[in-house]
C-alpha atoms as a PDB file:
ATOM      1  CA  UNK A   1     -33.720 -97.093-294.687  1.00  0.00           C
ATOM      2  CA  UNK A   2     -36.983 -96.853-292.829  1.00  0.00           C
ATOM      3  CA  UNK A   3     -35.876 -96.156-289.288  1.00  0.00           C
ATOM      4  CA  UNK A   4     -33.619 -93.497-287.843  1.00  0.00           C
ATOM      5  CA  UNK A   5     -34.370 -93.867-284.146  1.00  0.00           C
ATOM      6  CA  UNK A   6     -33.798 -97.572-283.565  1.00  0.00           C
ATOM      7  CA  UNK A   7     -30.888 -99.881-282.825  1.00  0.00           C
ATOM      8  CA  UNK A   8     -27.594 -98.750-284.444  1.00  0.00           C
ATOM      9  CA  UNK A   9     -26.323-100.592-287.490  1.00  0.00           C
ATOM     10  CA  UNK A  10     -24.726-103.877-286.502  1.00  0.00           C
ATOM     11  CA  UNK A  11     -21.366-105.151-287.644  1.00  0.00           C
ATOM     12  CA  UNK A  12     -21.441-107.294-290.794  1.00  0.00           C
ATOM     13  CA  UNK A  13     -22.906-110.649-289.850  1.00  0.00           C
ATOM     14  CA  UNK A  14     -21.049-113.793-290.949  1.00  0.00           C
ATOM     15  CA  UNK A  15     -22.379-117.289-291.388  1.00  0.00           C
ATOM     16  CA  UNK A  16     -19.654-119.861-290.960  1.00  0.00           C
ATOM     17  CA  UNK A  17     -18.900-123.224-292.502  1.00  0.00           C
ATOM     18  CA  UNK A  18     -18.779-125.614-289.520  1.00  0.00           C
ATOM     19  CA  UNK A  19     -15.771-127.521-290.867  1.00  0.00           C
ATOM     20  CA  UNK A  20     -13.514-124.524-291.381  1.00  0.00           C
ATOM     21  CA  UNK A  21     -14.876-121.764-289.165  1.00  0.00           C
ATOM     22  CA  UNK A  22     -14.495-119.418-292.149  1.00  0.00           C
ATOM     23  CA  UNK A  23     -17.535-117.254-292.982  1.00  0.00           C
ATOM     24  CA  UNK A  24     -19.409-118.344-296.094  1.00  0.00           C
ATOM     25  CA  UNK A  25     -20.639-114.804-296.651  1.00  0.00           C
ATOM     26  CA  UNK A  26     -21.218-111.463-294.971  1.00  0.00           C
ATOM     27  CA  UNK A  27     -24.162-109.080-294.950  1.00  0.00           C
ATOM     28  CA  UNK A  28     -25.076-105.773-293.299  1.00  0.00           C
ATOM     29  CA  UNK A  29     -28.047-105.162-291.028  1.00  0.00           C
ATOM     30  CA  UNK A  30     -29.577-101.659-291.223  1.00  0.00           C
ATOM     31  CA  UNK A  31     -30.585 -99.603-288.174  1.00  0.00           C
ATOM     32  CA  UNK A  32     -33.553-101.048-286.330  1.00  0.00           C
ATOM     33  CA  UNK A  33     -32.376-104.691-286.274  1.00  0.00           C
ATOM     34  CA  UNK A  34     -31.515-106.623-283.121  1.00  0.00           C
ATOM     35  CA  UNK A  35     -29.515-109.820-283.652  1.00  0.00           C
ATOM     36  CA  UNK A  36     -30.253-112.784-281.385  1.00  0.00           C
ATOM     37  CA  UNK A  37     -27.660-114.918-279.643  1.00  0.00           C
ATOM     38  CA  UNK A  38     -28.850-118.367-280.699  1.00  0.00           C
ATOM     39  CA  UNK A  39     -26.898-120.028-277.868  1.00  0.00           C
ATOM     40  CA  UNK A  40     -28.488-117.897-275.145  1.00  0.00           C
ATOM     41  CA  UNK A  41     -31.017-119.300-272.668  1.00  0.00           C
ATOM     42  CA  UNK A  42     -34.577-118.589-273.830  1.00  0.00           C
ATOM     43  CA  UNK A  43     -35.737-116.846-270.648  1.00  0.00           C
ATOM     44  CA  UNK A  44     -32.593-114.744-270.425  1.00  0.00           C
ATOM     45  CA  UNK A  45     -32.944-113.766-274.076  1.00  0.00           C
ATOM     46  CA  UNK A  46     -36.558-112.634-273.612  1.00  0.00           C
ATOM     47  CA  UNK A  47     -35.612-110.524-270.586  1.00  0.00           C
ATOM     48  CA  UNK A  48     -32.689-108.971-272.459  1.00  0.00           C
ATOM     49  CA  UNK A  49     -34.852-108.254-275.476  1.00  0.00           C
ATOM     50  CA  UNK A  50     -37.564-106.657-273.321  1.00  0.00           C
ATOM     51  CA  UNK A  51     -34.928-104.477-271.654  1.00  0.00           C
ATOM     52  CA  UNK A  52     -33.602-103.431-275.077  1.00  0.00           C
ATOM     53  CA  UNK A  53     -37.010-102.681-276.583  1.00  0.00           C
ATOM     54  CA  UNK A  54     -38.413-100.646-273.687  1.00  0.00           C
ATOM     55  CA  UNK A  55     -36.084 -97.605-273.764  1.00  0.00           C
ATOM     56  CA  UNK A  56     -35.701 -97.594-277.535  1.00  0.00           C
ATOM     57  CA  UNK A  57     -39.435 -97.407-278.182  1.00  0.00           C
ATOM     58  CA  UNK A  58     -40.832 -95.560-275.209  1.00  0.00           C
ATOM     59  CA  UNK A  59     -43.939 -94.487-277.154  1.00  0.00           C
ATOM     60  CA  UNK A  60     -44.818 -98.045-278.215  1.00  0.00           C
ATOM     61  CA  UNK A  61     -47.767 -99.581-276.395  1.00  0.00           C
ATOM     62  CA  UNK A  62     -47.122-102.381-273.885  1.00  0.00           C
ATOM     63  CA  UNK A  63     -48.993-104.699-276.242  1.00  0.00           C
ATOM     64  CA  UNK A  64     -46.614-103.861-279.106  1.00  0.00           C
ATOM     65  CA  UNK A  65     -43.584-104.513-276.927  1.00  0.00           C
ATOM     66  CA  UNK A  66     -45.023-107.772-275.603  1.00  0.00           C
ATOM     67  CA  UNK A  67     -45.893-108.941-279.103  1.00  0.00           C
ATOM     68  CA  UNK A  68     -42.371-108.252-280.338  1.00  0.00           C
ATOM     69  CA  UNK A  69     -40.757-110.164-277.480  1.00  0.00           C
ATOM     70  CA  UNK A  70     -43.132-113.121-277.175  1.00  0.00           C
ATOM     71  CA  UNK A  71     -43.937-113.796-280.815  1.00  0.00           C
ATOM     72  CA  UNK A  72     -40.304-113.078-281.684  1.00  0.00           C
ATOM     73  CA  UNK A  73     -39.126-115.765-279.255  1.00  0.00           C
ATOM     74  CA  UNK A  74     -41.664-118.261-280.598  1.00  0.00           C
ATOM     75  CA  UNK A  75     -40.563-117.674-284.189  1.00  0.00           C
ATOM     76  CA  UNK A  76     -36.931-117.760-283.075  1.00  0.00           C
ATOM     77  CA  UNK A  77     -37.331-121.189-281.478  1.00  0.00           C
ATOM     78  CA  UNK A  78     -38.959-122.471-284.672  1.00  0.00           C
ATOM     79  CA  UNK A  79     -36.068-121.130-286.762  1.00  0.00           C
ATOM     80  CA  UNK A  80     -33.402-122.558-284.457  1.00  0.00           C
ATOM     81  CA  UNK A  81     -35.071-125.970-284.742  1.00  0.00           C
ATOM     82  CA  UNK A  82     -34.918-125.546-288.530  1.00  0.00           C
ATOM     83  CA  UNK A  83     -31.159-124.966-288.528  1.00  0.00           C
ATOM     84  CA  UNK A  84     -30.959-121.161-288.525  1.00  0.00           C
ATOM     85  CA  UNK A  85     -27.452-119.703-288.250  1.00  0.00           C
ATOM     86  CA  UNK A  86     -28.631-116.097-287.965  1.00  0.00           C
ATOM     87  CA  UNK A  87     -31.872-114.605-286.645  1.00  0.00           C
ATOM     88  CA  UNK A  88     -32.602-110.925-286.068  1.00  0.00           C
ATOM     89  CA  UNK A  89     -35.752-108.901-285.434  1.00  0.00           C
ATOM     90  CA  UNK A  90     -36.558-105.305-286.198  1.00  0.00           C
ATOM     91  CA  UNK A  91     -38.976-102.725-284.826  1.00  0.00           C
ATOM     92  CA  UNK A  92     -39.088 -99.881-287.326  1.00  0.00           C
ATOM     93  CA  UNK A  93     -40.952 -96.595-287.539  1.00  0.00           C
ATOM     94  CA  UNK A  94     -42.616 -96.467-290.928  1.00  0.00           C
ATOM     95  CA  UNK A  95     -43.269 -93.407-293.086  1.00  0.00           C
ATOM     96  CA  UNK A  96     -46.731 -92.889-291.558  1.00  0.00           C
ATOM     97  CA  UNK A  97     -45.279 -92.883-288.045  1.00  0.00           C
ATOM     98  CA  UNK A  98     -46.474 -96.371-287.088  1.00  0.00           C
ATOM     99  CA  UNK A  99     -44.150 -98.890-285.463  1.00  0.00           C
ATOM    100  CA  UNK A 100     -43.756-102.164-287.311  1.00  0.00           C
ATOM    101  CA  UNK A 101     -41.914-105.407-286.626  1.00  0.00           C
ATOM    102  CA  UNK A 102     -40.364-108.121-288.774  1.00  0.00           C
ATOM    103  CA  UNK A 103     -37.916-111.025-288.560  1.00  0.00           C
ATOM    104  CA  UNK A 104     -34.915-112.083-290.641  1.00  0.00           C
ATOM    105  CA  UNK A 105     -33.539-115.624-290.668  1.00  0.00           C
ATOM    106  CA  UNK A 106     -30.562-117.108-292.540  1.00  0.00           C
ATOM    107  CA  UNK A 107     -30.075-120.848-293.000  1.00  0.00           C
ATOM    108  CA  UNK A 108     -27.105-122.453-294.755  1.00  0.00           C
ATOM    109  CA  UNK A 109     -28.150-125.524-296.732  1.00  0.00           C
ATOM    110  CA  UNK A 110     -25.331-127.912-297.629  1.00  0.00           C
ATOM    111  CA  UNK A 111     -26.145-130.762-300.042  1.00  0.00           C
ATOM    112  CA  UNK A 112     -24.120-133.943-299.927  1.00  0.00           C
ATOM    113  CA  UNK A 113     -22.459-133.452-303.305  1.00  0.00           C
ATOM    114  CA  UNK A 114     -18.968-132.702-304.516  1.00  0.00           C
ATOM    115  CA  UNK A 115     -17.723-129.328-305.791  1.00  0.00           C
ATOM    116  CA  UNK A 116     -17.661-130.622-309.327  1.00  0.00           C
ATOM    117  CA  UNK A 117     -21.476-130.469-309.418  1.00  0.00           C
ATOM    118  CA  UNK A 118     -21.645-126.828-308.340  1.00  0.00           C
ATOM    119  CA  UNK A 119     -23.711-124.760-310.763  1.00  0.00           C
ATOM    120  CA  UNK A 120     -24.907-121.557-309.132  1.00  0.00           C
ATOM    121  CA  UNK A 121     -27.227-120.373-311.884  1.00  0.00           C
ATOM    122  CA  UNK A 122     -28.611-123.869-312.300  1.00  0.00           C
ATOM    123  CA  UNK A 123     -29.242-124.197-308.565  1.00  0.00           C
ATOM    124  CA  UNK A 124     -31.056-120.862-308.406  1.00  0.00           C
ATOM    125  CA  UNK A 125     -33.116-121.725-311.502  1.00  0.00           C
ATOM    126  CA  UNK A 126     -34.120-125.157-310.161  1.00  0.00           C
ATOM    127  CA  UNK A 127     -35.106-123.619-306.832  1.00  0.00           C
ATOM    128  CA  UNK A 128     -37.278-121.009-308.554  1.00  0.00           C
ATOM    129  CA  UNK A 129     -39.050-123.760-310.532  1.00  0.00           C
ATOM    130  CA  UNK A 130     -39.564-125.804-307.368  1.00  0.00           C
ATOM    131  CA  UNK A 131     -40.986-122.842-305.456  1.00  0.00           C
ATOM    132  CA  UNK A 132     -43.348-122.039-308.327  1.00  0.00           C
ATOM    133  CA  UNK A 133     -44.624-125.623-308.303  1.00  0.00           C
ATOM    134  CA  UNK A 134     -45.026-125.667-304.520  1.00  0.00           C
ATOM    135  CA  UNK A 135     -46.665-122.220-304.288  1.00  0.00           C
ATOM    136  CA  UNK A 136     -48.495-121.451-307.566  1.00  0.00           C
ATOM    137  CA  UNK A 137     -50.018-118.270-306.116  1.00  0.00           C
ATOM    138  CA  UNK A 138     -46.636-116.881-305.031  1.00  0.00           C
ATOM    139  CA  UNK A 139     -44.503-114.335-306.852  1.00  0.00           C
ATOM    140  CA  UNK A 140     -41.411-116.268-307.971  1.00  0.00           C
ATOM    141  CA  UNK A 141     -38.454-114.934-309.951  1.00  0.00           C
ATOM    142  CA  UNK A 142     -34.807-115.519-310.803  1.00  0.00           C
ATOM    143  CA  UNK A 143     -32.737-112.407-310.010  1.00  0.00           C
ATOM    144  CA  UNK A 144     -29.108-111.301-310.017  1.00  0.00           C
ATOM    145  CA  UNK A 145     -27.677-109.869-306.800  1.00  0.00           C
ATOM    146  CA  UNK A 146     -24.224-108.258-306.525  1.00  0.00           C
ATOM    147  CA  UNK A 147     -23.158-111.565-304.898  1.00  0.00           C
ATOM    148  CA  UNK A 148     -24.587-113.656-307.726  1.00  0.00           C
ATOM    149  CA  UNK A 149     -27.759-115.416-308.943  1.00  0.00           C
ATOM    150  CA  UNK A 150     -30.649-115.958-306.560  1.00  0.00           C
ATOM    151  CA  UNK A 151     -34.160-117.390-306.593  1.00  0.00           C
ATOM    152  CA  UNK A 152     -36.828-115.181-305.029  1.00  0.00           C
ATOM    153  CA  UNK A 153     -40.270-116.071-303.668  1.00  0.00           C
ATOM    154  CA  UNK A 154     -42.874-113.764-302.081  1.00  0.00           C
ATOM    155  CA  UNK A 155     -45.984-115.290-300.559  1.00  0.00           C
ATOM    156  CA  UNK A 156     -48.497-115.072-297.724  1.00  0.00           C
ATOM    157  CA  UNK A 157     -48.689-117.833-295.139  1.00  0.00           C
ATOM    158  CA  UNK A 158     -51.320-118.446-292.467  1.00  0.00           C
ATOM    159  CA  UNK A 159     -49.988-119.330-289.009  1.00  0.00           C
ATOM    160  CA  UNK A 160     -51.460-120.269-285.655  1.00  0.00           C
ATOM    161  CA  UNK A 161     -49.547-118.707-282.765  1.00  0.00           C
ATOM    162  CA  UNK A 162     -49.987-120.617-279.478  1.00  0.00           C
ATOM    163  CA  UNK A 163     -52.475-118.627-277.398  1.00  0.00           C
ATOM    164  CA  UNK A 164     -50.708-119.641-274.188  1.00  0.00           C
ATOM    165  CA  UNK A 165     -47.903-117.252-275.108  1.00  0.00           C
ATOM    166  CA  UNK A 166     -50.354-114.393-274.619  1.00  0.00           C
ATOM    167  CA  UNK A 167     -52.324-115.882-271.730  1.00  0.00           C
ATOM    168  CA  UNK A 168     -55.137-117.168-273.969  1.00  0.00           C
ATOM    169  CA  UNK A 169     -56.644-120.621-274.316  1.00  0.00           C
ATOM    170  CA  UNK A 170     -57.150-120.639-278.089  1.00  0.00           C
ATOM    171  CA  UNK A 171     -54.477-120.241-280.777  1.00  0.00           C
ATOM    172  CA  UNK A 172     -54.199-116.854-282.488  1.00  0.00           C
ATOM    173  CA  UNK A 173     -54.529-116.947-286.287  1.00  0.00           C
ATOM    174  CA  UNK A 174     -52.295-114.574-288.214  1.00  0.00           C
ATOM    175  CA  UNK A 175     -51.066-114.039-291.757  1.00  0.00           C
ATOM    176  CA  UNK A 176     -47.363-113.632-292.424  1.00  0.00           C
ATOM    177  CA  UNK A 177     -46.013-112.157-295.647  1.00  0.00           C
ATOM    178  CA  UNK A 178     -42.544-113.415-296.410  1.00  0.00           C
ATOM    179  CA  UNK A 179     -39.867-113.055-299.008  1.00  0.00           C
ATOM    180  CA  UNK A 180     -37.193-115.700-299.315  1.00  0.00           C
ATOM    181  CA  UNK A 181     -34.006-115.747-301.327  1.00  0.00           C
ATOM    182  CA  UNK A 182     -32.033-118.873-302.216  1.00  0.00           C
ATOM    183  CA  UNK A 183     -28.473-117.641-302.783  1.00  0.00           C
ATOM    184  CA  UNK A 184     -26.054-120.359-304.037  1.00  0.00           C
ATOM    185  CA  UNK A 185     -22.719-120.022-302.256  1.00  0.00           C
ATOM    186  CA  UNK A 186     -19.544-118.952-303.995  1.00  0.00           C
ATOM    187  CA  UNK A 187     -17.428-121.001-301.565  1.00  0.00           C
ATOM    188  CA  UNK A 188     -18.679-124.432-302.601  1.00  0.00           C
ATOM    189  CA  UNK A 189     -21.838-126.543-302.873  1.00  0.00           C
ATOM    190  CA  UNK A 190     -24.731-125.202-300.843  1.00  0.00           C
ATOM    191  CA  UNK A 191     -26.976-122.178-300.602  1.00  0.00           C
ATOM    192  CA  UNK A 192     -27.823-119.450-298.122  1.00  0.00           C
ATOM    193  CA  UNK A 193     -31.575-119.198-297.566  1.00  0.00           C
ATOM    194  CA  UNK A 194     -32.589-115.689-296.476  1.00  0.00           C
ATOM    195  CA  UNK A 195     -36.128-115.536-295.066  1.00  0.00           C
ATOM    196  CA  UNK A 196     -37.702-112.183-294.137  1.00  0.00           C
ATOM    197  CA  UNK A 197     -41.233-112.122-292.689  1.00  0.00           C
ATOM    198  CA  UNK A 198     -43.738-109.725-291.155  1.00  0.00           C
ATOM    199  CA  UNK A 199     -47.396-109.549-290.193  1.00  0.00           C
ATOM    200  CA  UNK A 200     -47.440-105.894-291.308  1.00  0.00           C
ATOM    201  CA  UNK A 201     -48.610-106.358-294.885  1.00  0.00           C
ATOM    202  CA  UNK A 202     -49.748-102.714-294.965  1.00  0.00           C
ATOM    203  CA  UNK A 203     -46.114-101.540-295.059  1.00  0.00           C
ATOM    204  CA  UNK A 204     -44.787-104.289-297.319  1.00  0.00           C
ATOM    205  CA  UNK A 205     -43.511-101.864-299.963  1.00  0.00           C
ATOM    206  CA  UNK A 206     -41.320-100.146-297.378  1.00  0.00           C
ATOM    207  CA  UNK A 207     -40.053-103.479-296.121  1.00  0.00           C
ATOM    208  CA  UNK A 208     -39.022-104.446-299.646  1.00  0.00           C
ATOM    209  CA  UNK A 209     -36.687-101.430-299.630  1.00  0.00           C
ATOM    210  CA  UNK A 210     -35.186-102.645-296.341  1.00  0.00           C
ATOM    211  CA  UNK A 211     -34.745-106.212-297.622  1.00  0.00           C
ATOM    212  CA  UNK A 212     -33.261-104.950-300.885  1.00  0.00           C
ATOM    213  CA  UNK A 213     -30.536-103.126-298.972  1.00  0.00           C
ATOM    214  CA  UNK A 214     -29.690-106.243-296.961  1.00  0.00           C
ATOM    215  CA  UNK A 215     -29.493-108.476-300.019  1.00  0.00           C
ATOM    216  CA  UNK A 216     -27.383-105.979-301.973  1.00  0.00           C
ATOM    217  CA  UNK A 217     -24.881-106.055-299.094  1.00  0.00           C
ATOM    218  CA  UNK A 218     -24.350-109.834-299.261  1.00  0.00           C
ATOM    219  CA  UNK A 219     -20.694-110.432-300.069  1.00  0.00           C
ATOM    220  CA  UNK A 220     -17.836-112.915-299.849  1.00  0.00           C
ATOM    221  CA  UNK A 221     -15.600-109.979-298.850  1.00  0.00           C
ATOM    222  CA  UNK A 222     -14.840-109.398-295.194  1.00  0.00           C
ATOM    223  CA  UNK A 223     -15.466-105.894-293.813  1.00  0.00           C
ATOM    224  CA  UNK A 224     -11.785-104.912-294.040  1.00  0.00           C
ATOM    225  CA  UNK A 225     -11.856-105.618-297.777  1.00  0.00           C
ATOM    226  CA  UNK A 226     -10.040-108.951-297.692  1.00  0.00           C
ATOM    227  CA  UNK A 227     -11.689-111.333-300.125  1.00  0.00           C
ATOM    228  CA  UNK A 228     -12.087-115.054-299.819  1.00  0.00           C
ATOM    229  CA  UNK A 229     -11.334-117.036-302.965  1.00  0.00           C
ATOM    230  CA  UNK A 230     -14.474-118.045-304.804  1.00  0.00           C
ATOM    231  CA  UNK A 231     -14.988-121.568-306.061  1.00  0.00           C
ATOM    232  CA  UNK A 232     -13.351-122.220-309.419  1.00  0.00           C
ATOM    233  CA  UNK A 233     -16.332-122.420-311.731  1.00  0.00           C
ATOM    234  CA  UNK A 234     -17.716-120.094-314.411  1.00  0.00           C
ATOM    235  CA  UNK A 235     -20.850-119.279-312.365  1.00  0.00           C
ATOM    236  CA  UNK A 236     -18.866-117.948-309.426  1.00  0.00           C
ATOM    237  CA  UNK A 237     -18.298-114.554-311.011  1.00  0.00           C
ATOM    238  CA  UNK A 238     -20.352-111.405-310.971  1.00  0.00           C
ATOM    239  CA  UNK A 239     -19.999-107.951-309.514  1.00  0.00           C
ATOM    240  CA  UNK A 240     -19.123-108.002-305.834  1.00  0.00           C
ATOM    241  CA  UNK A 241     -20.648-105.688-303.239  1.00  0.00           C
ATOM    242  CA  UNK A 242     -18.283-104.329-300.608  1.00  0.00           C
ATOM    243  CA  UNK A 243     -19.518-105.030-297.065  1.00  0.00           C
END
């Protein structure tokens, strides 16, 4: 992984089905990631995050720390409004010594269909086709993770950050590079949408290594090795990664 001097590795992070309280899947966060409490008050969260960032990255400029906290909270609020069940941010030291930040979001999408229509490979394939049609300039592919089939999309997106967050009158234009994975669930109809984004396009190749490690850790197995039963359909197989 990229960083060795950041936040320690977190415990495997579950996303839970609201009806059962049982995690749909688990995944590991590498060192350098700070998971947000989505139920926490916004002001309290920003203060806590600032307190966490300051001692961990003493050589970062005040502007870097402010950008991480303020823009991170803005993106976090947007993701919460979009139904995010997990959001974490990272501040990593890259191979050239520069500090870099990025955000990870996980959303569980649950279609209103019965289990008999579950087709994991078909879902991933249809999503890849849809993404290609929506974003013709993006890099779109159908891949196989240890957890199972997934659609992948890498693209650049222009955003306007509210200038008021930084004490400015005008919005701040920025370009975000993001990679998203649509991972059909093994536990029933629905998919986990993993979205990883950063403004630091210069270090994108290093970030792909970080994201690859996260996605390879996705598993239906709990950390102690106990497995949840997968849905009974021929697409629910595949090699499982131990979390």
